[in-house]
């Protein structure tokens, strides 16, 4: 029983860590060129998960509206890229 409890605890810890740290990068397909999102760089710049993950840690549904509002607004505040070809790569 102790072994099973330890295995379950380890699996829960590793699962939580995977969610908290996320993938290194994500690529979103877009008509004007794909956008590659460097998760590690954004974690470092934002400082805390809730800067982007307002509803808690987990995947964010990213579409054109989200990218052109939430992402671009933050890029303006943090002096990130704001021109189309700085994020969209054909």
C-alpha atoms as a PDB file:
ATOM      1  CA  UNK A   1       0.000   0.000   0.000  1.00  0.00           C
ATOM      2  CA  UNK A   2       2.846   2.404   0.831  1.00  0.00           C
ATOM      3  CA  UNK A   3       4.439   1.708  -2.552  1.00  0.00           C
ATOM      4  CA  UNK A   4       1.172   2.491  -4.376  1.00  0.00           C
ATOM      5  CA  UNK A   5       0.793   5.723  -2.428  1.00  0.00           C
ATOM      6  CA  UNK A   6       4.367   6.707  -3.302  1.00  0.00           C
ATOM      7  CA  UNK A   7       3.800   5.950  -6.996  1.00  0.00           C
ATOM      8  CA  UNK A   8       0.581   7.987  -7.046  1.00  0.00           C
ATOM      9  CA  UNK A   9       2.274  10.897  -5.250  1.00  0.00           C
ATOM     10  CA  UNK A  10       5.208  10.830  -7.685  1.00  0.00           C
ATOM     11  CA  UNK A  11       2.874  10.740 -10.698  1.00  0.00           C
ATOM     12  CA  UNK A  12       0.868  13.676  -9.327  1.00  0.00           C
ATOM     13  CA  UNK A  13       4.043  15.676  -8.684  1.00  0.00           C
ATOM     14  CA  UNK A  14       5.465  15.004 -12.152  1.00  0.00           C
ATOM     15  CA  UNK A  15       2.130  15.831 -13.796  1.00  0.00           C
ATOM     16  CA  UNK A  16       1.887  19.117 -11.904  1.00  0.00           C
ATOM     17  CA  UNK A  17       5.473  19.989 -12.810  1.00  0.00           C
ATOM     18  CA  UNK A  18       4.793  19.294 -16.491  1.00  0.00           C
ATOM     19  CA  UNK A  19       1.775  21.598 -16.420  1.00  0.00           C
ATOM     20  CA  UNK A  20       3.613  24.309 -14.495  1.00  0.00           C
ATOM     21  CA  UNK A  21       6.604  24.422 -16.786  1.00  0.00           C
ATOM     22  CA  UNK A  22       4.895  23.571 -20.071  1.00  0.00           C
ATOM     23  CA  UNK A  23       6.584  22.781 -23.331  1.00  0.00           C
ATOM     24  CA  UNK A  24       9.646  24.711 -24.450  1.00  0.00           C
ATOM     25  CA  UNK A  25       7.766  26.192 -27.404  1.00  0.00           C
ATOM     26  CA  UNK A  26       4.504  26.015 -29.296  1.00  0.00           C
ATOM     27  CA  UNK A  27       3.893  26.740 -32.973  1.00  0.00           C
ATOM     28  CA  UNK A  28       0.539  28.172 -33.995  1.00  0.00           C
ATOM     29  CA  UNK A  29      -0.476  27.972 -37.637  1.00  0.00           C
ATOM     30  CA  UNK A  30      -1.632  31.285 -39.065  1.00  0.00           C
ATOM     31  CA  UNK A  31      -2.616  32.533 -42.510  1.00  0.00           C
ATOM     32  CA  UNK A  32       0.065  35.242 -42.475  1.00  0.00           C
ATOM     33  CA  UNK A  33       2.797  32.868 -41.311  1.00  0.00           C
ATOM     34  CA  UNK A  34       3.167  30.560 -38.344  1.00  0.00           C
ATOM     35  CA  UNK A  35       3.862  31.984 -34.903  1.00  0.00           C
ATOM     36  CA  UNK A  36       6.298  30.153 -32.642  1.00  0.00           C
ATOM     37  CA  UNK A  37       5.756  30.911 -28.979  1.00  0.00           C
ATOM     38  CA  UNK A  38       8.840  30.440 -26.780  1.00  0.00           C
ATOM     39  CA  UNK A  39       7.256  29.420 -23.481  1.00  0.00           C
ATOM     40  CA  UNK A  40      10.492  29.511 -21.468  1.00  0.00           C
ATOM     41  CA  UNK A  41      11.315  33.072 -22.598  1.00  0.00           C
ATOM     42  CA  UNK A  42       7.799  34.239 -21.741  1.00  0.00           C
ATOM     43  CA  UNK A  43       7.956  32.568 -18.306  1.00  0.00           C
ATOM     44  CA  UNK A  44      11.187  34.429 -17.588  1.00  0.00           C
ATOM     45  CA  UNK A  45       9.846  37.782 -18.839  1.00  0.00           C
ATOM     46  CA  UNK A  46       6.433  37.515 -17.148  1.00  0.00           C
ATOM     47  CA  UNK A  47       7.784  36.307 -13.833  1.00  0.00           C
ATOM     48  CA  UNK A  48       4.617  34.515 -12.783  1.00  0.00           C
ATOM     49  CA  UNK A  49       2.229  32.105 -14.490  1.00  0.00           C
ATOM     50  CA  UNK A  50      -0.884  34.187 -13.782  1.00  0.00           C
ATOM     51  CA  UNK A  51       0.432  36.992 -15.996  1.00  0.00           C
ATOM     52  CA  UNK A  52      -0.886  34.922 -18.922  1.00  0.00           C
ATOM     53  CA  UNK A  53      -2.768  32.064 -17.256  1.00  0.00           C
ATOM     54  CA  UNK A  54      -5.479  34.090 -15.527  1.00  0.00           C
ATOM     55  CA  UNK A  55      -7.671  31.030 -14.934  1.00  0.00           C
ATOM     56  CA  UNK A  56      -4.844  28.974 -13.430  1.00  0.00           C
ATOM     57  CA  UNK A  57      -2.053  26.908 -14.887  1.00  0.00           C
ATOM     58  CA  UNK A  58      -2.991  25.019 -18.021  1.00  0.00           C
ATOM     59  CA  UNK A  59      -3.307  25.418 -21.759  1.00  0.00           C
ATOM     60  CA  UNK A  60      -4.456  28.734 -23.224  1.00  0.00           C
ATOM     61  CA  UNK A  61      -6.686  28.726 -26.290  1.00  0.00           C
ATOM     62  CA  UNK A  62      -4.774  30.990 -28.672  1.00  0.00           C
ATOM     63  CA  UNK A  63      -6.417  32.335 -31.807  1.00  0.00           C
ATOM     64  CA  UNK A  64      -6.086  35.471 -33.925  1.00  0.00           C
ATOM     65  CA  UNK A  65      -8.168  37.614 -31.550  1.00  0.00           C
ATOM     66  CA  UNK A  66      -6.210  36.499 -28.481  1.00  0.00           C
ATOM     67  CA  UNK A  67      -2.860  37.005 -30.187  1.00  0.00           C
ATOM     68  CA  UNK A  68      -3.745  40.412 -31.561  1.00  0.00           C
ATOM     69  CA  UNK A  69      -5.159  41.668 -28.264  1.00  0.00           C
ATOM     70  CA  UNK A  70      -3.658  39.994 -25.211  1.00  0.00           C
ATOM     71  CA  UNK A  71      -0.253  39.120 -26.675  1.00  0.00           C
ATOM     72  CA  UNK A  72       0.251  42.323 -28.639  1.00  0.00           C
ATOM     73  CA  UNK A  73      -0.853  44.525 -25.725  1.00  0.00           C
ATOM     74  CA  UNK A  74       1.664  42.816 -23.453  1.00  0.00           C
ATOM     75  CA  UNK A  75       4.364  43.113 -26.116  1.00  0.00           C
ATOM     76  CA  UNK A  76       3.719  46.877 -26.251  1.00  0.00           C
ATOM     77  CA  UNK A  77       4.020  47.158 -22.447  1.00  0.00           C
ATOM     78  CA  UNK A  78       7.130  44.969 -22.255  1.00  0.00           C
ATOM     79  CA  UNK A  79       8.829  46.287 -25.437  1.00  0.00           C
ATOM     80  CA  UNK A  80       8.336  42.990 -27.259  1.00  0.00           C
ATOM     81  CA  UNK A  81       7.813  42.544 -31.000  1.00  0.00           C
ATOM     82  CA  UNK A  82       4.679  44.233 -32.372  1.00  0.00           C
ATOM     83  CA  UNK A  83       5.169  44.167 -36.155  1.00  0.00           C
ATOM     84  CA  UNK A  84       3.533  41.340 -38.126  1.00  0.00           C
ATOM     85  CA  UNK A  85       6.758  39.831 -39.467  1.00  0.00           C
ATOM     86  CA  UNK A  86       8.363  39.824 -36.024  1.00  0.00           C
ATOM     87  CA  UNK A  87       6.000  37.047 -34.877  1.00  0.00           C
ATOM     88  CA  UNK A  88       4.607  35.640 -38.135  1.00  0.00           C
ATOM     89  CA  UNK A  89       7.168  33.674 -40.156  1.00  0.00           C
ATOM     90  CA  UNK A  90       6.313  32.526 -43.685  1.00  0.00           C
END
